[in-house]
Amino acid sequence: MPSLLETLISLFRPARYPTDSATEPAQIMRPKVLAIVYDPVMDASTGITLSKKLGWKDPSDLLTGFILDLLDVSEGLARYEIVQRINVNEFPAKVDGFRYTPQSFLDAWNRAATPHMPQEANYQAILTQFNILQRVARNEIDEVWLFGFPHAGFYESTMGGPGAFWCNAPPLANTSASKRRFVIMGFSCERGIGEMLEAYGHRAESIMEKTFSTLTGEANLWKRFIRYEKAAPGKSACGNIHFAPNSQADYDWGNMTPVQSECYDWLLNFPNFKGDIRTVDANEWGGGEIRAHHKWWFNHFPRTSGRKNKIHNNWWQYITNPQNVLV
């Protein structure tokens, strides 16, 4: 039982957020990103890098397209900035110290050899090599985007810092020196912007799940947002990153079966729902194209003014900055 002194302190300590509000403006978020691009030289005589040798995507094009997509779907509230890009001429070390060479990687890629196990990259080595914890603590950067390739061993996303929680992967250990939470994304030059949005979508799912974790029933708006017909018959909303409102299986974004959904209520009326139920199918979200579906999904995320149950009506304030999540 708290002492009288502890009770008095709690009464006069400013709340992290004041009482609920209908008018508090939605904040524009400006996360600063350190981009680390692993694209090793495969032939010293020509200088050709892995991405060019195998005809993969240009990391610059991926970065530009991804940032513009997030700016678009957030209606300008998520304004990412690459404050530094580091091109790395090496294969990332694995947790056991192993590194691919150009030839051993090509052998694994061409299935002439078994990919190395364990496959996970050594995140502690990356944190140390690029002084990431200290840079986050100094507010020089807010998160890190790693660009790699198949077998690089990167998580799609993971979180570090004091109070870090599951972010589509276990939280990074021994990272409290950052003084605040941060996310490390893992992308692949072998894939496209749609897959980058998918990785970011799983990050969003983890963060919003934690944001609403103390609320139950209809007060848990995240649980309501992700409903889809197969899992919640008659209550379909916007689905999740794998399931559109009418999907029958993971990645079933091209399903043309009509379904009743409240997705327009989220898009047009949040937080004052009006019972706007419409018949929708895959024509709404791109007919099965991964990037189109993910942009459609993100475009339905709340981004309005106000706060209820201590949670902002602008969800981008949490997705872009997990430090805002009360844990």
Protein backbone atom coordinates (compact mmCIF):
# COMPACT_ATOMS: atom_id res chain seq x y z
CA MET A 1 0.00 0.00 0.00
CA PRO A 2 1.49 3.41 -0.98
CA SER A 3 2.58 5.75 1.79
CA LEU A 4 1.00 9.15 2.33
CA LEU A 5 4.05 10.80 0.72
CA GLU A 6 3.81 8.57 -2.36
CA THR A 7 0.10 9.34 -2.67
CA LEU A 8 0.72 13.09 -2.52
CA ILE A 9 3.50 12.87 -5.10
CA SER A 10 1.22 10.93 -7.45
CA LEU A 11 -1.52 13.55 -7.07
CA PHE A 12 0.71 16.46 -8.00
CA ARG A 13 2.91 14.78 -10.59
CA PRO A 14 1.91 15.98 -14.11
CA ALA A 15 0.20 13.27 -16.13
CA ARG A 16 2.08 12.11 -19.18
CA TYR A 17 -1.03 13.05 -21.14
CA PRO A 18 -3.73 15.39 -19.80
CA THR A 19 -7.37 14.42 -19.76
CA ASP A 20 -9.02 13.22 -22.94
CA SER A 21 -9.55 15.84 -25.59
CA ALA A 22 -11.59 16.21 -28.77
CA THR A 23 -9.45 19.01 -30.16
CA GLU A 24 -5.79 18.24 -29.46
CA PRO A 25 -4.13 18.56 -32.89
CA ALA A 26 -2.65 15.58 -34.66
CA GLN A 27 1.12 15.93 -34.54
CA ILE A 28 3.28 15.88 -37.65
CA MET A 29 6.00 13.30 -37.06
CA ARG A 30 9.50 13.87 -38.49
CA PRO A 31 11.56 10.74 -37.74
CA LYS A 32 15.26 10.93 -38.55
CA VAL A 33 16.59 7.76 -40.19
CA LEU A 34 20.03 6.25 -40.45
CA ALA A 35 20.03 4.09 -43.60
CA ILE A 36 22.69 1.36 -43.72
CA VAL A 37 22.93 -0.32 -47.12
CA TYR A 38 24.77 -3.64 -47.28
CA ASP A 39 25.69 -4.08 -50.94
CA PRO A 40 29.08 -5.81 -51.10
CA VAL A 41 31.35 -5.71 -54.12
CA MET A 42 31.25 -9.10 -55.82
CA ASP A 43 34.11 -8.62 -58.29
CA ALA A 44 37.03 -6.38 -57.35
CA SER A 45 38.09 -6.02 -60.99
CA THR A 46 34.79 -4.51 -62.08
CA GLY A 47 33.48 -3.13 -58.81
CA ILE A 48 30.05 -4.61 -59.46
CA THR A 49 27.95 -4.89 -56.32
CA LEU A 50 25.61 -7.70 -55.31
CA SER A 51 22.42 -5.81 -56.16
CA LYS A 52 23.65 -4.96 -59.66
CA LYS A 53 25.12 -8.38 -60.34
CA LEU A 54 21.79 -10.08 -59.63
CA GLY A 55 19.64 -7.36 -61.17
CA TRP A 56 17.89 -6.33 -57.95
CA LYS A 57 16.32 -2.98 -57.05
CA ASP A 58 18.32 0.21 -56.62
CA PRO A 59 18.31 1.08 -52.89
CA SER A 60 17.92 4.77 -53.73
CA ASP A 61 14.72 4.11 -55.66
CA LEU A 62 13.38 1.94 -52.82
CA LEU A 63 14.11 4.61 -50.23
CA THR A 64 12.49 7.38 -52.24
CA GLY A 65 9.38 5.41 -53.15
CA PHE A 66 8.85 4.09 -49.64
CA ILE A 67 9.15 7.50 -47.97
CA LEU A 68 6.76 9.03 -50.51
CA ASP A 69 4.23 6.23 -49.93
CA LEU A 70 4.25 6.81 -46.17
CA LEU A 71 3.91 10.54 -46.69
CA ASP A 72 0.94 9.90 -48.98
CA VAL A 73 -1.00 7.43 -46.84
CA SER A 74 -0.48 9.46 -43.66
CA GLU A 75 -1.61 12.64 -45.44
CA GLY A 76 1.68 14.31 -44.56
CA LEU A 77 1.81 13.27 -40.91
CA ALA A 78 4.70 10.78 -41.32
CA ARG A 79 7.59 12.78 -42.77
CA TYR A 80 10.62 10.53 -42.72
CA GLU A 81 14.03 12.02 -43.39
CA ILE A 82 17.22 10.11 -44.22
CA VAL A 83 19.80 12.06 -42.21
CA GLN A 84 22.65 9.73 -43.20
CA ARG A 85 23.16 6.85 -45.59
CA ILE A 86 26.09 4.48 -45.12
CA ASN A 87 27.01 2.08 -47.92
CA VAL A 88 28.69 -1.02 -46.52
CA ASN A 89 30.99 -3.16 -48.66
CA GLU A 90 30.61 -6.35 -46.65
CA PHE A 91 28.23 -9.12 -45.72
CA PRO A 92 26.77 -8.66 -42.22
CA ALA A 93 28.15 -11.00 -39.56
CA LYS A 94 25.89 -13.72 -38.19
CA VAL A 95 25.35 -14.26 -34.47
CA ASP A 96 28.06 -16.95 -34.51
CA GLY A 97 30.56 -14.69 -36.33
CA PHE A 98 30.15 -16.23 -39.78
CA ARG A 99 30.22 -13.95 -42.82
CA TYR A 100 29.46 -14.91 -46.38
CA THR A 101 32.05 -14.28 -49.05
CA PRO A 102 30.95 -13.34 -52.58
CA GLN A 103 31.38 -16.93 -53.70
CA SER A 104 29.77 -18.62 -50.69
CA PHE A 105 26.79 -16.30 -50.97
CA LEU A 106 26.33 -17.05 -54.67
CA ASP A 107 26.59 -20.77 -53.89
CA ALA A 108 23.76 -20.41 -51.36
CA TRP A 109 21.71 -18.20 -53.68
CA ASN A 110 22.07 -20.64 -56.57
CA ARG A 111 21.30 -23.58 -54.24
CA ALA A 112 24.71 -25.10 -54.81
CA ALA A 113 25.21 -24.96 -51.04
CA THR A 114 22.98 -24.88 -47.96
CA PRO A 115 22.47 -21.37 -46.51
CA HIS A 116 24.38 -20.83 -43.29
CA MET A 117 22.67 -21.50 -39.99
CA PRO A 118 22.05 -19.77 -37.64
CA GLN A 119 20.85 -17.19 -40.11
CA GLU A 120 20.28 -14.24 -37.74
CA ALA A 121 22.53 -11.21 -38.15
CA ASN A 122 24.55 -10.01 -35.18
CA TYR A 123 22.58 -6.92 -34.19
CA GLN A 124 24.88 -6.14 -31.28
CA ALA A 125 27.78 -5.86 -33.72
CA ILE A 126 25.76 -3.50 -35.92
CA LEU A 127 24.77 -1.36 -32.93
CA THR A 128 28.41 -1.08 -31.90
CA GLN A 129 29.90 -0.56 -35.36
CA PHE A 130 27.61 2.36 -36.17
CA ASN A 131 27.34 3.82 -32.65
CA ILE A 132 23.57 3.53 -32.86
CA LEU A 133 22.62 3.60 -29.18
CA GLN A 134 24.61 6.75 -28.54
CA ARG A 135 23.24 8.45 -31.65
CA VAL A 136 19.66 7.69 -30.61
CA ALA A 137 20.40 9.02 -27.12
CA ARG A 138 21.74 12.26 -28.63
CA ASN A 139 18.61 12.60 -30.80
CA GLU A 140 20.72 12.47 -33.95
CA ILE A 141 18.62 9.60 -35.26
CA ASP A 142 15.25 8.10 -34.32
CA GLU A 143 15.45 4.76 -36.12
CA VAL A 144 17.59 2.63 -38.44
CA TRP A 145 16.77 1.10 -41.82
CA LEU A 146 18.98 -1.81 -42.82
CA PHE A 147 19.07 -2.80 -46.47
CA GLY A 148 20.26 -6.30 -47.21
CA PHE A 149 19.29 -9.30 -49.29
CA PRO A 150 18.06 -12.87 -48.86
CA HIS A 151 20.09 -14.71 -46.19
CA ALA A 152 21.29 -11.41 -44.66
CA GLY A 153 19.53 -12.36 -41.43
CA PHE A 154 17.65 -9.14 -40.71
CA TYR A 155 14.28 -9.04 -38.97
CA GLU A 156 11.57 -7.09 -40.79
CA SER A 157 11.52 -4.96 -37.67
CA THR A 158 12.79 -5.10 -34.11
CA MET A 159 12.81 -2.62 -31.23
CA GLY A 160 15.47 -1.52 -28.79
CA GLY A 161 15.75 0.88 -25.88
CA PRO A 162 14.31 1.04 -22.34
CA GLY A 163 10.91 -0.61 -22.25
CA ALA A 164 11.27 -2.05 -25.75
CA PHE A 165 8.57 -4.58 -26.61
CA TRP A 166 7.79 -7.13 -29.29
CA CYS A 167 7.88 -5.49 -32.73
CA ASN A 168 7.41 -8.46 -35.08
CA ALA A 169 10.55 -9.81 -33.39
CA PRO A 170 11.93 -10.02 -29.86
CA PRO A 171 13.20 -6.73 -28.40
CA LEU A 172 16.94 -6.10 -28.63
CA ALA A 173 18.77 -6.87 -25.40
CA ASN A 174 21.24 -4.54 -23.69
CA THR A 175 20.08 -1.41 -25.48
CA SER A 176 19.03 0.87 -22.60
CA ALA A 177 21.92 3.24 -23.38
CA SER A 178 19.74 4.68 -26.17
CA LYS A 179 17.59 6.26 -23.41
CA ARG A 180 14.44 5.83 -25.53
CA ARG A 181 12.81 3.24 -27.74
CA PHE A 182 13.76 2.95 -31.38
CA VAL A 183 13.03 0.58 -34.27
CA ILE A 184 15.42 -1.11 -36.67
CA MET A 185 13.76 -2.04 -39.96
CA GLY A 186 15.17 -4.74 -42.25
CA PHE A 187 14.58 -4.46 -45.99
CA SER A 188 15.84 -6.36 -49.03
CA CYS A 189 17.02 -4.98 -52.36
CA GLU A 190 15.76 -8.19 -53.93
CA ARG A 191 12.17 -7.16 -53.13
CA GLY A 192 10.08 -4.07 -53.85
CA ILE A 193 8.33 -1.20 -52.12
CA GLY A 194 5.27 -3.38 -51.52
CA GLU A 195 7.36 -5.71 -49.37
CA MET A 196 8.83 -2.72 -47.53
CA LEU A 197 5.29 -1.60 -46.72
CA GLU A 198 4.50 -5.11 -45.52
CA ALA A 199 7.44 -5.06 -43.12
CA TYR A 200 6.32 -1.65 -41.91
CA GLY A 201 2.78 -3.00 -41.59
CA HIS A 202 3.88 -5.73 -39.20
CA ARG A 203 5.71 -3.07 -37.20
CA ALA A 204 2.48 -1.04 -37.08
CA GLU A 205 0.50 -4.09 -35.97
CA SER A 206 2.88 -4.76 -33.08
CA ILE A 207 2.96 -1.15 -31.93
CA MET A 208 -0.80 -0.61 -32.11
CA GLU A 209 -1.45 -3.93 -30.37
CA LYS A 210 0.70 -2.68 -27.49
CA THR A 211 -0.86 0.79 -27.58
CA PHE A 212 -4.36 -0.62 -27.00
CA SER A 213 -3.31 -3.55 -24.81
CA THR A 214 -4.98 -2.19 -21.65
CA LEU A 215 -8.38 -1.70 -23.28
CA THR A 216 -11.04 -4.35 -23.85
CA GLY A 217 -14.24 -4.72 -25.82
CA GLU A 218 -15.28 -1.95 -28.20
CA ALA A 219 -12.88 0.45 -26.45
CA ASN A 220 -10.03 -1.46 -28.07
CA LEU A 221 -10.26 0.28 -31.42
CA TRP A 222 -7.27 -1.59 -32.80
CA LYS A 223 -9.06 -4.92 -32.41
CA ARG A 224 -12.06 -3.41 -34.17
CA PHE A 225 -9.95 -1.93 -37.00
CA ILE A 226 -8.33 -5.27 -37.94
CA ARG A 227 -11.54 -7.31 -38.14
CA TYR A 228 -12.14 -9.19 -41.39
CA GLU A 229 -15.07 -11.33 -42.44
CA LYS A 230 -13.53 -14.76 -41.99
CA ALA A 231 -12.44 -14.06 -38.41
CA ALA A 232 -15.35 -11.81 -37.41
CA PRO A 233 -18.43 -12.65 -39.53
CA GLY A 234 -20.69 -9.66 -40.00
CA LYS A 235 -18.19 -7.26 -38.39
CA SER A 236 -15.61 -6.77 -41.12
CA ALA A 237 -13.61 -3.53 -40.95
CA CYS A 238 -10.20 -2.97 -42.56
CA GLY A 239 -8.45 -6.27 -41.91
CA ASN A 240 -4.74 -6.58 -41.22
CA ILE A 241 -1.60 -6.46 -43.33
CA HIS A 242 -2.13 -10.06 -44.53
CA PHE A 243 -5.94 -10.17 -44.66
CA ALA A 244 -8.14 -7.75 -46.60
CA PRO A 245 -11.77 -7.48 -45.39
CA ASN A 246 -12.80 -10.48 -47.53
CA SER A 247 -9.60 -12.57 -47.53
CA GLN A 248 -9.86 -16.29 -46.91
CA ALA A 249 -6.13 -16.86 -46.41
CA ASP A 250 -2.88 -14.95 -45.90
CA TYR A 251 -2.01 -12.67 -48.85
CA ASP A 252 -5.45 -13.20 -50.43
CA TRP A 253 -5.60 -9.57 -51.54
CA GLY A 254 -7.13 -10.34 -54.94
CA ASN A 255 -10.35 -11.88 -53.68
CA MET A 256 -13.32 -10.51 -55.62
CA THR A 257 -15.97 -11.95 -53.29
CA PRO A 258 -18.15 -9.04 -52.13
CA VAL A 259 -18.30 -8.44 -48.40
CA GLN A 260 -20.00 -5.95 -46.11
CA SER A 261 -17.39 -3.80 -44.37
CA GLU A 262 -17.19 -0.66 -42.24
CA CYS A 263 -13.89 0.36 -43.83
CA TYR A 264 -15.39 3.59 -45.19
CA ASP A 265 -16.57 4.52 -41.71
CA TRP A 266 -12.93 4.43 -40.61
CA LEU A 267 -11.79 6.43 -43.62
CA LEU A 268 -14.46 9.13 -43.56
CA ASN A 269 -15.96 9.36 -40.08
CA PHE A 270 -13.48 8.33 -37.37
CA PRO A 271 -13.80 8.83 -34.43
CA ASN A 272 -17.52 9.55 -34.78
CA PHE A 273 -18.66 6.41 -36.56
CA LYS A 274 -21.92 6.68 -38.47
CA GLY A 275 -22.58 3.03 -39.28
CA ASP A 276 -21.37 3.46 -42.87
CA ILE A 277 -21.40 -0.15 -44.10
CA ARG A 278 -20.64 -0.78 -47.77
CA THR A 279 -20.13 -3.74 -50.08
CA VAL A 280 -16.46 -3.98 -51.08
CA ASP A 281 -14.14 -6.37 -52.90
CA ALA A 282 -10.55 -6.40 -54.16
CA ASN A 283 -11.25 -3.59 -56.60
CA GLU A 284 -11.05 -1.30 -53.57
CA TRP A 285 -7.44 -2.21 -52.78
CA GLY A 286 -5.78 -2.88 -56.11
CA GLY A 287 -7.03 -6.26 -57.26
CA GLY A 288 -4.30 -8.25 -55.55
CA GLU A 289 -1.24 -6.01 -56.03
CA ILE A 290 0.74 -5.95 -52.79
CA ARG A 291 1.75 -2.29 -52.76
CA ALA A 292 -1.77 -1.12 -53.63
CA HIS A 293 -3.36 -3.15 -50.84
CA HIS A 294 -0.90 -1.99 -48.23
CA LYS A 295 -1.32 1.66 -49.20
CA TRP A 296 -5.11 1.22 -49.02
CA TRP A 297 -4.79 -0.33 -45.55
CA PHE A 298 -2.50 2.37 -44.18
CA ASN A 299 -4.70 5.05 -45.69
CA HIS A 300 -7.48 3.95 -43.33
CA PHE A 301 -5.39 4.47 -40.18
CA PRO A 302 -6.86 7.23 -37.97
CA ARG A 303 -4.99 10.51 -38.27
CA THR A 304 -7.35 13.04 -36.74
CA SER A 305 -7.24 15.38 -33.76
CA GLY A 306 -8.21 14.37 -30.25
CA ARG A 307 -7.46 11.70 -27.67
CA LYS A 308 -9.64 9.13 -25.94
CA ASN A 309 -8.74 6.68 -23.18
CA LYS A 310 -5.30 8.35 -23.18
CA ILE A 311 -4.73 7.29 -26.79
CA HIS A 312 -4.32 9.83 -29.56
CA ASN A 313 -6.68 9.68 -32.53
CA ASN A 314 -3.62 10.05 -34.73
CA TRP A 315 -2.13 6.57 -34.76
CA TRP A 316 0.92 7.71 -36.71
CA GLN A 317 2.20 9.26 -33.49
CA TYR A 318 2.73 5.73 -32.18
CA ILE A 319 3.76 3.92 -35.34
CA THR A 320 6.54 6.38 -36.08
CA ASN A 321 7.56 6.85 -32.44
CA PRO A 322 7.10 3.89 -30.08
CA GLN A 323 8.30 6.06 -27.21
CA ASN A 324 4.77 7.51 -27.20
CA VAL A 325 3.29 4.13 -26.24
CA LEU A 326 2.42 3.98 -22.56
CA VAL A 327 3.84 0.75 -21.08
